[in-house]
């Protein structure tokens, strides 16, 4: 078996494949028929240093709830998120698609506007050449996949359609969100705009490692970052899932479909409806906003992390992130 990374040696690596006979199997009735696409996301392995120094008195609260560093998101201790692409869902709910091997992946069901209706909150992978089946979006550990039948499984696995922004697969706030806010919202919510009094969308220093308006958009106003969790976060207009704001019981439950992420996001509604002071974003900008919300609102992506100076050990420095440009 040839493993990823040996392509330069002229050794082709076989992709894997996933299939589902019905993505709605076991899902609530109100979800059925609404999904048009399945999105595949991947998370990079964390190879940089651990941030245990965050627990020392002088740094406590700078990296809340983060067990690795640099801190890439306020919503949870996370790695670099990437969108690998999407695949259409057949009329009968079946799907069959090719994926790269040896990557930690999770899936989301999207509507016709590429907004996430439902999300998988764990990860899976395939070995080179492996084909795996899943039951549906409410899979139980004791339930086997249905027979490999369905419209999507009558041919070869579909290839993923990459995101419209091209090879820039990793998601970050500064590349995906702030430029869009500057272009479409800056007139009212920056500078001398009247809307700035209600919601300031100017990029500026925030708290700890994170800038504003990132914190307010994700957590809502007044969130306390000094503890291990952001339990007082009511959630901002991004409408993403905030695992560190959940109780232990909530963390282990499936988030009901169409209650969080871009489908229910006030930010996406404002950006796409044309009803907020006649603002309606171009399709690419809107897709970037949607992707950011659905990836649980990352703060840093690969570009930002790899641009960091290295320590003498060759590792990325765990502290202080807030020395980076704000």
C-alpha atoms as a PDB file:
ATOM      1  CA  UNK A   1       0.000   0.000   0.000  1.00  0.00           C
ATOM      2  CA  UNK A   2       1.342   3.439  -0.947  1.00  0.00           C
ATOM      3  CA  UNK A   3       0.733   6.151   1.615  1.00  0.00           C
ATOM      4  CA  UNK A   4       0.034   9.866   1.158  1.00  0.00           C
ATOM      5  CA  UNK A   5       3.272  11.774   0.726  1.00  0.00           C
ATOM      6  CA  UNK A   6       4.840   9.285  -1.687  1.00  0.00           C
ATOM      7  CA  UNK A   7       3.355  10.870  -4.807  1.00  0.00           C
ATOM      8  CA  UNK A   8       6.680  12.621  -5.459  1.00  0.00           C
ATOM      9  CA  UNK A   9       8.292   9.181  -5.696  1.00  0.00           C
ATOM     10  CA  UNK A  10       5.968   8.251  -8.541  1.00  0.00           C
ATOM     11  CA  UNK A  11       3.825   6.055  -6.311  1.00  0.00           C
ATOM     12  CA  UNK A  12       0.147   6.903  -6.864  1.00  0.00           C
ATOM     13  CA  UNK A  13      -1.991   6.852  -3.725  1.00  0.00           C
ATOM     14  CA  UNK A  14      -5.488   5.469  -4.150  1.00  0.00           C
ATOM     15  CA  UNK A  15      -8.342   7.643  -2.876  1.00  0.00           C
ATOM     16  CA  UNK A  16     -10.991   6.206  -0.601  1.00  0.00           C
ATOM     17  CA  UNK A  17     -14.764   6.518  -0.897  1.00  0.00           C
ATOM     18  CA  UNK A  18     -17.801   6.999   1.338  1.00  0.00           C
ATOM     19  CA  UNK A  19     -21.377   6.086   0.608  1.00  0.00           C
ATOM     20  CA  UNK A  20     -24.762   6.387   2.252  1.00  0.00           C
ATOM     21  CA  UNK A  21     -27.911   4.785   0.926  1.00  0.00           C
ATOM     22  CA  UNK A  22     -29.967   7.530   2.577  1.00  0.00           C
ATOM     23  CA  UNK A  23     -28.523  10.550   4.383  1.00  0.00           C
ATOM     24  CA  UNK A  24     -31.896  11.094   6.072  1.00  0.00           C
ATOM     25  CA  UNK A  25     -31.908   7.716   7.778  1.00  0.00           C
ATOM     26  CA  UNK A  26     -32.820   8.290  11.428  1.00  0.00           C
ATOM     27  CA  UNK A  27     -32.963  12.069  11.013  1.00  0.00           C
ATOM     28  CA  UNK A  28     -35.914  14.236  12.111  1.00  0.00           C
ATOM     29  CA  UNK A  29     -38.758  14.483   9.636  1.00  0.00           C
ATOM     30  CA  UNK A  30     -38.354  18.239   9.148  1.00  0.00           C
ATOM     31  CA  UNK A  31     -34.920  17.700   7.586  1.00  0.00           C
ATOM     32  CA  UNK A  32     -36.040  15.326   4.854  1.00  0.00           C
ATOM     33  CA  UNK A  33     -35.892  16.548   1.300  1.00  0.00           C
ATOM     34  CA  UNK A  34     -34.081  19.781   2.152  1.00  0.00           C
ATOM     35  CA  UNK A  35     -30.468  18.678   1.568  1.00  0.00           C
ATOM     36  CA  UNK A  36     -29.019  19.288  -1.892  1.00  0.00           C
ATOM     37  CA  UNK A  37     -25.312  18.859  -1.204  1.00  0.00           C
ATOM     38  CA  UNK A  38     -22.965  17.143   1.210  1.00  0.00           C
ATOM     39  CA  UNK A  39     -19.920  19.149   2.290  1.00  0.00           C
ATOM     40  CA  UNK A  40     -16.657  17.465   3.298  1.00  0.00           C
ATOM     41  CA  UNK A  41     -14.429  19.264   5.800  1.00  0.00           C
ATOM     42  CA  UNK A  42     -11.035  18.179   7.089  1.00  0.00           C
ATOM     43  CA  UNK A  43      -8.997  19.161  10.098  1.00  0.00           C
ATOM     44  CA  UNK A  44      -5.208  19.241  10.039  1.00  0.00           C
ATOM     45  CA  UNK A  45      -3.218  17.248  12.610  1.00  0.00           C
ATOM     46  CA  UNK A  46      -1.922  19.508  15.360  1.00  0.00           C
ATOM     47  CA  UNK A  47       1.858  19.375  15.050  1.00  0.00           C
ATOM     48  CA  UNK A  48       2.720  22.561  16.894  1.00  0.00           C
ATOM     49  CA  UNK A  49       3.578  22.882  20.577  1.00  0.00           C
ATOM     50  CA  UNK A  50       1.154  22.521  23.451  1.00  0.00           C
ATOM     51  CA  UNK A  51       0.123  25.670  25.293  1.00  0.00           C
ATOM     52  CA  UNK A  52       0.362  24.564  28.907  1.00  0.00           C
ATOM     53  CA  UNK A  53       1.995  27.859  29.832  1.00  0.00           C
ATOM     54  CA  UNK A  54      -1.494  29.312  29.486  1.00  0.00           C
ATOM     55  CA  UNK A  55      -2.145  27.989  32.989  1.00  0.00           C
ATOM     56  CA  UNK A  56       0.570  30.131  34.585  1.00  0.00           C
ATOM     57  CA  UNK A  57      -0.728  33.205  36.492  1.00  0.00           C
ATOM     58  CA  UNK A  58       0.639  35.759  34.056  1.00  0.00           C
ATOM     59  CA  UNK A  59      -1.029  34.048  31.087  1.00  0.00           C
ATOM     60  CA  UNK A  60      -4.191  32.670  32.671  1.00  0.00           C
ATOM     61  CA  UNK A  61      -7.198  33.707  30.649  1.00  0.00           C
ATOM     62  CA  UNK A  62      -5.233  34.578  27.512  1.00  0.00           C
ATOM     63  CA  UNK A  63      -5.949  31.190  25.967  1.00  0.00           C
ATOM     64  CA  UNK A  64      -9.237  30.071  27.539  1.00  0.00           C
ATOM     65  CA  UNK A  65     -10.170  26.407  27.084  1.00  0.00           C
ATOM     66  CA  UNK A  66      -7.270  25.860  24.677  1.00  0.00           C
ATOM     67  CA  UNK A  67      -5.223  22.702  25.190  1.00  0.00           C
ATOM     68  CA  UNK A  68      -2.990  23.265  22.163  1.00  0.00           C
ATOM     69  CA  UNK A  69      -1.511  26.349  20.618  1.00  0.00           C
ATOM     70  CA  UNK A  70      -1.606  28.583  18.750  1.00  0.00           C
ATOM     71  CA  UNK A  71      -5.276  29.032  19.534  1.00  0.00           C
ATOM     72  CA  UNK A  72      -7.122  28.809  16.222  1.00  0.00           C
ATOM     73  CA  UNK A  73     -10.680  29.385  17.469  1.00  0.00           C
ATOM     74  CA  UNK A  74     -12.626  30.781  20.415  1.00  0.00           C
ATOM     75  CA  UNK A  75     -15.399  28.200  19.989  1.00  0.00           C
ATOM     76  CA  UNK A  76     -13.315  25.177  20.996  1.00  0.00           C
ATOM     77  CA  UNK A  77      -9.774  23.801  21.148  1.00  0.00           C
ATOM     78  CA  UNK A  78      -9.480  23.276  17.418  1.00  0.00           C
ATOM     79  CA  UNK A  79      -7.117  22.635  14.544  1.00  0.00           C
ATOM     80  CA  UNK A  80      -6.935  24.186  11.107  1.00  0.00           C
ATOM     81  CA  UNK A  81     -10.208  23.654   9.270  1.00  0.00           C
ATOM     82  CA  UNK A  82     -10.355  23.060   5.519  1.00  0.00           C
ATOM     83  CA  UNK A  83     -13.251  22.587   3.117  1.00  0.00           C
ATOM     84  CA  UNK A  84     -12.325  19.854   0.645  1.00  0.00           C
ATOM     85  CA  UNK A  85     -15.456  20.236  -1.460  1.00  0.00           C
ATOM     86  CA  UNK A  86     -19.090  19.281  -1.958  1.00  0.00           C
ATOM     87  CA  UNK A  87     -20.998  16.531  -3.729  1.00  0.00           C
ATOM     88  CA  UNK A  88     -24.656  16.489  -4.876  1.00  0.00           C
ATOM     89  CA  UNK A  89     -27.144  14.335  -2.970  1.00  0.00           C
ATOM     90  CA  UNK A  90     -29.347  12.156  -5.187  1.00  0.00           C
ATOM     91  CA  UNK A  91     -33.127  12.492  -5.160  1.00  0.00           C
ATOM     92  CA  UNK A  92     -33.478   9.361  -3.022  1.00  0.00           C
ATOM     93  CA  UNK A  93     -31.029  10.701  -0.418  1.00  0.00           C
ATOM     94  CA  UNK A  94     -28.122   8.518  -1.513  1.00  0.00           C
ATOM     95  CA  UNK A  95     -24.579   9.766  -1.937  1.00  0.00           C
ATOM     96  CA  UNK A  96     -21.298   8.184  -3.053  1.00  0.00           C
ATOM     97  CA  UNK A  97     -18.109  10.204  -3.250  1.00  0.00           C
ATOM     98  CA  UNK A  98     -14.341   9.993  -3.443  1.00  0.00           C
ATOM     99  CA  UNK A  99     -12.184  11.355  -0.622  1.00  0.00           C
ATOM    100  CA  UNK A 100      -8.462  11.621   0.079  1.00  0.00           C
ATOM    101  CA  UNK A 101      -7.142   8.937   2.437  1.00  0.00           C
ATOM    102  CA  UNK A 102      -5.690   9.384   5.908  1.00  0.00           C
ATOM    103  CA  UNK A 103      -7.439  12.651   6.695  1.00  0.00           C
ATOM    104  CA  UNK A 104      -9.738  13.480   9.608  1.00  0.00           C
ATOM    105  CA  UNK A 105     -12.999  14.439   7.914  1.00  0.00           C
ATOM    106  CA  UNK A 106     -16.558  15.288   8.852  1.00  0.00           C
ATOM    107  CA  UNK A 107     -19.652  15.943   6.796  1.00  0.00           C
ATOM    108  CA  UNK A 108     -22.453  18.511   6.625  1.00  0.00           C
ATOM    109  CA  UNK A 109     -25.776  18.491   4.813  1.00  0.00           C
ATOM    110  CA  UNK A 110     -26.359  21.699   2.839  1.00  0.00           C
ATOM    111  CA  UNK A 111     -29.420  23.304   1.279  1.00  0.00           C
ATOM    112  CA  UNK A 112     -29.500  24.731  -2.239  1.00  0.00           C
ATOM    113  CA  UNK A 113     -27.719  27.896  -1.019  1.00  0.00           C
ATOM    114  CA  UNK A 114     -24.871  25.844   0.507  1.00  0.00           C
ATOM    115  CA  UNK A 115     -26.037  26.633   4.053  1.00  0.00           C
ATOM    116  CA  UNK A 116     -25.502  23.897   6.637  1.00  0.00           C
ATOM    117  CA  UNK A 117     -28.718  22.212   7.714  1.00  0.00           C
ATOM    118  CA  UNK A 118     -27.053  19.592   9.876  1.00  0.00           C
ATOM    119  CA  UNK A 119     -23.511  18.772  10.920  1.00  0.00           C
ATOM    120  CA  UNK A 120     -21.510  15.790  12.012  1.00  0.00           C
ATOM    121  CA  UNK A 121     -19.691  16.499  15.288  1.00  0.00           C
ATOM    122  CA  UNK A 122     -17.137  13.696  15.158  1.00  0.00           C
ATOM    123  CA  UNK A 123     -14.516  12.671  12.609  1.00  0.00           C
ATOM    124  CA  UNK A 124     -13.912   9.723  10.323  1.00  0.00           C
ATOM    125  CA  UNK A 125     -11.354   8.662   7.711  1.00  0.00           C
ATOM    126  CA  UNK A 126     -10.469   6.059   5.119  1.00  0.00           C
ATOM    127  CA  UNK A 127      -7.311   4.174   4.237  1.00  0.00           C
ATOM    128  CA  UNK A 128      -5.996   4.253   0.636  1.00  0.00           C
ATOM    129  CA  UNK A 129      -8.494   2.418  -1.567  1.00  0.00           C
ATOM    130  CA  UNK A 130     -10.943   1.814   1.300  1.00  0.00           C
ATOM    131  CA  UNK A 131     -14.694   2.194   0.833  1.00  0.00           C
ATOM    132  CA  UNK A 132     -16.831   2.908   3.883  1.00  0.00           C
ATOM    133  CA  UNK A 133     -20.549   3.311   4.409  1.00  0.00           C
ATOM    134  CA  UNK A 134     -22.451   5.381   6.937  1.00  0.00           C
ATOM    135  CA  UNK A 135     -26.036   5.015   8.086  1.00  0.00           C
ATOM    136  CA  UNK A 136     -27.105   8.635   8.015  1.00  0.00           C
ATOM    137  CA  UNK A 137     -26.876  11.799  10.045  1.00  0.00           C
ATOM    138  CA  UNK A 138     -28.069  10.126  13.235  1.00  0.00           C
ATOM    139  CA  UNK A 139     -25.955   6.997  12.989  1.00  0.00           C
ATOM    140  CA  UNK A 140     -25.963   4.663  15.986  1.00  0.00           C
ATOM    141  CA  UNK A 141     -22.906   2.600  16.900  1.00  0.00           C
ATOM    142  CA  UNK A 142     -24.943  -0.614  16.916  1.00  0.00           C
ATOM    143  CA  UNK A 143     -26.506  -0.049  13.481  1.00  0.00           C
ATOM    144  CA  UNK A 144     -24.909  -1.273  10.263  1.00  0.00           C
ATOM    145  CA  UNK A 145     -25.143   0.688   6.997  1.00  0.00           C
ATOM    146  CA  UNK A 146     -27.964  -0.211   4.635  1.00  0.00           C
ATOM    147  CA  UNK A 147     -27.094  -2.230   1.509  1.00  0.00           C
ATOM    148  CA  UNK A 148     -25.102  -0.228  -1.023  1.00  0.00           C
ATOM    149  CA  UNK A 149     -28.063   0.614  -3.218  1.00  0.00           C
ATOM    150  CA  UNK A 150     -29.420   3.929  -4.415  1.00  0.00           C
ATOM    151  CA  UNK A 151     -29.216   6.259  -7.369  1.00  0.00           C
ATOM    152  CA  UNK A 152     -25.831   7.647  -6.396  1.00  0.00           C
ATOM    153  CA  UNK A 153     -24.268   4.187  -6.125  1.00  0.00           C
ATOM    154  CA  UNK A 154     -25.011   3.047  -9.670  1.00  0.00           C
ATOM    155  CA  UNK A 155     -21.765   4.441 -11.044  1.00  0.00           C
ATOM    156  CA  UNK A 156     -18.334   5.455  -9.905  1.00  0.00           C
ATOM    157  CA  UNK A 157     -17.929   7.634  -6.805  1.00  0.00           C
ATOM    158  CA  UNK A 158     -18.399  11.321  -7.539  1.00  0.00           C
ATOM    159  CA  UNK A 159     -15.409  13.603  -7.280  1.00  0.00           C
ATOM    160  CA  UNK A 160     -15.690  16.489  -4.847  1.00  0.00           C
ATOM    161  CA  UNK A 161     -16.347  19.920  -6.327  1.00  0.00           C
ATOM    162  CA  UNK A 162     -13.782  22.244  -4.729  1.00  0.00           C
ATOM    163  CA  UNK A 163     -14.950  25.506  -3.117  1.00  0.00           C
ATOM    164  CA  UNK A 164     -15.313  28.492  -5.451  1.00  0.00           C
ATOM    165  CA  UNK A 165     -12.366  30.322  -3.904  1.00  0.00           C
ATOM    166  CA  UNK A 166      -9.964  27.726  -5.300  1.00  0.00           C
ATOM    167  CA  UNK A 167      -6.932  26.296  -3.564  1.00  0.00           C
ATOM    168  CA  UNK A 168      -7.331  28.494  -0.482  1.00  0.00           C
ATOM    169  CA  UNK A 169      -8.973  25.692   1.473  1.00  0.00           C
ATOM    170  CA  UNK A 170      -8.182  26.678   5.055  1.00  0.00           C
ATOM    171  CA  UNK A 171     -10.563  29.139   6.681  1.00  0.00           C
ATOM    172  CA  UNK A 172      -9.711  32.142   8.834  1.00  0.00           C
ATOM    173  CA  UNK A 173     -11.442  35.266  10.068  1.00  0.00           C
ATOM    174  CA  UNK A 174      -9.037  37.746   8.463  1.00  0.00           C
ATOM    175  CA  UNK A 175      -9.248  36.188   5.003  1.00  0.00           C
ATOM    176  CA  UNK A 176     -12.885  35.115   4.867  1.00  0.00           C
ATOM    177  CA  UNK A 177     -14.813  37.607   6.990  1.00  0.00           C
ATOM    178  CA  UNK A 178     -13.193  40.962   7.690  1.00  0.00           C
ATOM    179  CA  UNK A 179     -12.687  41.906   4.002  1.00  0.00           C
ATOM    180  CA  UNK A 180     -16.356  41.128   3.342  1.00  0.00           C
ATOM    181  CA  UNK A 181     -17.464  43.246   6.300  1.00  0.00           C
ATOM    182  CA  UNK A 182     -15.216  46.095   5.163  1.00  0.00           C
ATOM    183  CA  UNK A 183     -16.696  46.021   1.669  1.00  0.00           C
ATOM    184  CA  UNK A 184     -20.382  45.625   2.418  1.00  0.00           C
ATOM    185  CA  UNK A 185     -20.857  46.858   5.991  1.00  0.00           C
ATOM    186  CA  UNK A 186     -18.102  49.440   6.504  1.00  0.00           C
ATOM    187  CA  UNK A 187     -20.111  52.415   5.267  1.00  0.00           C
ATOM    188  CA  UNK A 188     -22.537  52.136   8.182  1.00  0.00           C
ATOM    189  CA  UNK A 189     -20.638  50.109  10.799  1.00  0.00           C
ATOM    190  CA  UNK A 190     -17.165  51.652  10.560  1.00  0.00           C
ATOM    191  CA  UNK A 191     -15.744  55.181  10.563  1.00  0.00           C
ATOM    192  CA  UNK A 192     -18.463  57.807  10.986  1.00  0.00           C
ATOM    193  CA  UNK A 193     -21.305  55.431  10.145  1.00  0.00           C
ATOM    194  CA  UNK A 194     -24.400  55.558  12.334  1.00  0.00           C
ATOM    195  CA  UNK A 195     -24.511  51.786  12.652  1.00  0.00           C
ATOM    196  CA  UNK A 196     -21.158  51.743  14.439  1.00  0.00           C
ATOM    197  CA  UNK A 197     -22.876  52.768  17.695  1.00  0.00           C
ATOM    198  CA  UNK A 198     -24.915  49.565  17.655  1.00  0.00           C
ATOM    199  CA  UNK A 199     -22.327  47.190  16.154  1.00  0.00           C
ATOM    200  CA  UNK A 200     -18.754  48.258  15.497  1.00  0.00           C
ATOM    201  CA  UNK A 201     -17.312  46.156  12.666  1.00  0.00           C
ATOM    202  CA  UNK A 202     -13.941  47.892  12.653  1.00  0.00           C
ATOM    203  CA  UNK A 203     -11.057  45.457  13.097  1.00  0.00           C
ATOM    204  CA  UNK A 204      -9.358  46.350  16.354  1.00  0.00           C
ATOM    205  CA  UNK A 205      -7.738  44.721  19.427  1.00  0.00           C
ATOM    206  CA  UNK A 206     -10.081  42.556  21.442  1.00  0.00           C
ATOM    207  CA  UNK A 207      -9.386  40.341  24.447  1.00  0.00           C
ATOM    208  CA  UNK A 208      -6.641  37.808  24.924  1.00  0.00           C
ATOM    209  CA  UNK A 209      -5.584  36.374  21.586  1.00  0.00           C
ATOM    210  CA  UNK A 210      -8.601  37.495  19.611  1.00  0.00           C
ATOM    211  CA  UNK A 211      -9.524  40.672  17.782  1.00  0.00           C
ATOM    212  CA  UNK A 212     -12.804  42.492  17.560  1.00  0.00           C
ATOM    213  CA  UNK A 213     -15.313  42.258  15.985  1.00  0.00           C
ATOM    214  CA  UNK A 214     -14.507  38.526  15.849  1.00  0.00           C
ATOM    215  CA  UNK A 215     -15.387  38.016  19.526  1.00  0.00           C
ATOM    216  CA  UNK A 216     -18.683  39.886  19.378  1.00  0.00           C
ATOM    217  CA  UNK A 217     -19.785  38.212  16.150  1.00  0.00           C
ATOM    218  CA  UNK A 218     -19.096  34.736  17.569  1.00  0.00           C
ATOM    219  CA  UNK A 219     -19.803  35.003  21.302  1.00  0.00           C
ATOM    220  CA  UNK A 220     -22.039  38.039  21.575  1.00  0.00           C
ATOM    221  CA  UNK A 221     -21.253  41.106  23.693  1.00  0.00           C
ATOM    222  CA  UNK A 222     -19.698  40.846  27.141  1.00  0.00           C
ATOM    223  CA  UNK A 223     -18.399  37.276  27.119  1.00  0.00           C
ATOM    224  CA  UNK A 224     -15.900  36.509  29.889  1.00  0.00           C
ATOM    225  CA  UNK A 225     -12.665  34.929  28.641  1.00  0.00           C
ATOM    226  CA  UNK A 226     -10.920  34.468  31.976  1.00  0.00           C
ATOM    227  CA  UNK A 227     -12.148  30.964  32.767  1.00  0.00           C
ATOM    228  CA  UNK A 228     -11.672  27.564  31.236  1.00  0.00           C
ATOM    229  CA  UNK A 229     -14.947  27.911  29.310  1.00  0.00           C
ATOM    230  CA  UNK A 230     -16.960  30.749  27.832  1.00  0.00           C
ATOM    231  CA  UNK A 231     -20.076  29.565  29.613  1.00  0.00           C
ATOM    232  CA  UNK A 232     -21.621  33.024  29.764  1.00  0.00           C
ATOM    233  CA  UNK A 233     -21.509  33.454  25.989  1.00  0.00           C
ATOM    234  CA  UNK A 234     -25.024  33.963  24.656  1.00  0.00           C
ATOM    235  CA  UNK A 235     -23.825  33.622  21.083  1.00  0.00           C
ATOM    236  CA  UNK A 236     -23.391  36.369  18.531  1.00  0.00           C
ATOM    237  CA  UNK A 237     -25.074  36.967  15.204  1.00  0.00           C
ATOM    238  CA  UNK A 238     -22.751  34.474  13.485  1.00  0.00           C
ATOM    239  CA  UNK A 239     -25.012  31.745  14.883  1.00  0.00           C
ATOM    240  CA  UNK A 240     -22.321  29.085  14.992  1.00  0.00           C
ATOM    241  CA  UNK A 241     -22.029  26.235  17.502  1.00  0.00           C
ATOM    242  CA  UNK A 242     -19.957  27.127  20.590  1.00  0.00           C
ATOM    243  CA  UNK A 243     -18.930  23.848  22.274  1.00  0.00           C
ATOM    244  CA  UNK A 244     -17.049  25.663  25.048  1.00  0.00           C
ATOM    245  CA  UNK A 245     -20.265  27.492  25.905  1.00  0.00           C
ATOM    246  CA  UNK A 246     -22.189  24.248  26.371  1.00  0.00           C
ATOM    247  CA  UNK A 247     -22.789  22.256  29.506  1.00  0.00           C
ATOM    248  CA  UNK A 248     -21.288  18.788  29.687  1.00  0.00           C
ATOM    249  CA  UNK A 249     -24.656  17.214  28.874  1.00  0.00           C
ATOM    250  CA  UNK A 250     -25.160  19.462  25.847  1.00  0.00           C
ATOM    251  CA  UNK A 251     -21.707  18.715  24.479  1.00  0.00           C
ATOM    252  CA  UNK A 252     -22.500  15.041  23.960  1.00  0.00           C
ATOM    253  CA  UNK A 253     -25.859  15.546  22.298  1.00  0.00           C
ATOM    254  CA  UNK A 254     -26.523  16.001  18.609  1.00  0.00           C
ATOM    255  CA  UNK A 255     -27.403  19.604  17.838  1.00  0.00           C
ATOM    256  CA  UNK A 256     -30.907  19.577  16.299  1.00  0.00           C
ATOM    257  CA  UNK A 257     -30.841  20.300  12.554  1.00  0.00           C
ATOM    258  CA  UNK A 258     -31.533  23.820  11.303  1.00  0.00           C
ATOM    259  CA  UNK A 259     -31.106  25.390  14.755  1.00  0.00           C
ATOM    260  CA  UNK A 260     -27.477  26.530  14.442  1.00  0.00           C
ATOM    261  CA  UNK A 261     -24.900  27.305  11.754  1.00  0.00           C
ATOM    262  CA  UNK A 262     -25.534  29.193   8.527  1.00  0.00           C
ATOM    263  CA  UNK A 263     -29.104  28.034   7.905  1.00  0.00           C
ATOM    264  CA  UNK A 264     -30.219  29.770  11.122  1.00  0.00           C
ATOM    265  CA  UNK A 265     -27.505  32.445  11.257  1.00  0.00           C
ATOM    266  CA  UNK A 266     -28.697  36.061  11.659  1.00  0.00           C
ATOM    267  CA  UNK A 267     -25.455  37.203  10.009  1.00  0.00           C
ATOM    268  CA  UNK A 268     -26.107  35.115   6.901  1.00  0.00           C
ATOM    269  CA  UNK A 269     -29.731  36.239   6.818  1.00  0.00           C
ATOM    270  CA  UNK A 270     -28.650  39.891   6.882  1.00  0.00           C
ATOM    271  CA  UNK A 271     -26.002  39.270   4.217  1.00  0.00           C
ATOM    272  CA  UNK A 272     -28.254  37.408   1.805  1.00  0.00           C
ATOM    273  CA  UNK A 273     -31.804  38.753   2.132  1.00  0.00           C
ATOM    274  CA  UNK A 274     -31.311  42.214   0.647  1.00  0.00           C
ATOM    275  CA  UNK A 275     -33.623  43.572   3.353  1.00  0.00           C
ATOM    276  CA  UNK A 276     -30.934  45.171   5.531  1.00  0.00           C
ATOM    277  CA  UNK A 277     -30.466  48.611   3.958  1.00  0.00           C
ATOM    278  CA  UNK A 278     -30.595  46.902   0.546  1.00  0.00           C
ATOM    279  CA  UNK A 279     -27.283  45.142   1.239  1.00  0.00           C
ATOM    280  CA  UNK A 280     -26.884  41.947  -0.742  1.00  0.00           C
ATOM    281  CA  UNK A 281     -23.473  40.370  -1.095  1.00  0.00           C
ATOM    282  CA  UNK A 282     -21.950  38.879  -4.195  1.00  0.00           C
ATOM    283  CA  UNK A 283     -22.150  35.046  -4.302  1.00  0.00           C
ATOM    284  CA  UNK A 284     -18.464  34.423  -3.561  1.00  0.00           C
ATOM    285  CA  UNK A 285     -18.395  36.707  -0.521  1.00  0.00           C
ATOM    286  CA  UNK A 286     -21.564  35.106   0.788  1.00  0.00           C
ATOM    287  CA  UNK A 287     -20.159  31.599   0.325  1.00  0.00           C
ATOM    288  CA  UNK A 288     -17.086  32.600   2.316  1.00  0.00           C
ATOM    289  CA  UNK A 289     -19.210  33.920   5.177  1.00  0.00           C
ATOM    290  CA  UNK A 290     -21.305  30.740   5.138  1.00  0.00           C
ATOM    291  CA  UNK A 291     -18.205  28.548   5.166  1.00  0.00           C
ATOM    292  CA  UNK A 292     -16.759  30.446   8.118  1.00  0.00           C
ATOM    293  CA  UNK A 293     -19.925  30.083  10.192  1.00  0.00           C
ATOM    294  CA  UNK A 294     -20.283  26.381   9.349  1.00  0.00           C
ATOM    295  CA  UNK A 295     -16.652  25.617  10.225  1.00  0.00           C
ATOM    296  CA  UNK A 296     -17.423  26.914  13.746  1.00  0.00           C
ATOM    297  CA  UNK A 297     -15.963  30.334  13.062  1.00  0.00           C
ATOM    298  CA  UNK A 298     -12.185  29.728  12.983  1.00  0.00           C
ATOM    299  CA  UNK A 299      -9.944  32.622  13.920  1.00  0.00           C
ATOM    300  CA  UNK A 300      -6.731  31.366  12.310  1.00  0.00           C
ATOM    301  CA  UNK A 301      -6.110  29.233   9.245  1.00  0.00           C
ATOM    302  CA  UNK A 302      -3.016  27.664   7.747  1.00  0.00           C
ATOM    303  CA  UNK A 303      -1.733  30.907   6.237  1.00  0.00           C
ATOM    304  CA  UNK A 304      -1.798  32.685   9.589  1.00  0.00           C
ATOM    305  CA  UNK A 305      -0.248  29.843  11.578  1.00  0.00           C
ATOM    306  CA  UNK A 306       2.522  29.146   9.063  1.00  0.00           C
ATOM    307  CA  UNK A 307       3.394  32.848   8.931  1.00  0.00           C
ATOM    308  CA  UNK A 308       4.226  32.844  12.639  1.00  0.00           C
ATOM    309  CA  UNK A 309       7.894  33.016  13.602  1.00  0.00           C
ATOM    310  CA  UNK A 310       9.320  29.800  14.999  1.00  0.00           C
ATOM    311  CA  UNK A 311      10.950  29.335  18.385  1.00  0.00           C
ATOM    312  CA  UNK A 312      14.520  28.067  18.684  1.00  0.00           C
ATOM    313  CA  UNK A 313      13.119  24.567  18.978  1.00  0.00           C
ATOM    314  CA  UNK A 314      11.605  24.952  15.516  1.00  0.00           C
ATOM    315  CA  UNK A 315       8.071  24.919  16.911  1.00  0.00           C
ATOM    316  CA  UNK A 316       5.445  27.612  16.563  1.00  0.00           C
ATOM    317  CA  UNK A 317       5.427  29.743  19.735  1.00  0.00           C
ATOM    318  CA  UNK A 318       2.515  29.140  22.085  1.00  0.00           C
ATOM    319  CA  UNK A 319       2.652  32.733  23.334  1.00  0.00           C
ATOM    320  CA  UNK A 320       1.841  35.496  22.979  1.00  0.00           C
ATOM    321  CA  UNK A 321      -0.581  35.363  20.085  1.00  0.00           C
ATOM    322  CA  UNK A 322      -1.718  38.884  20.825  1.00  0.00           C
ATOM    323  CA  UNK A 323       1.587  40.258  19.578  1.00  0.00           C
ATOM    324  CA  UNK A 324       0.438  39.522  16.056  1.00  0.00           C
ATOM    325  CA  UNK A 325      -1.118  42.398  14.088  1.00  0.00           C
ATOM    326  CA  UNK A 326      -4.607  43.251  15.337  1.00  0.00           C
END
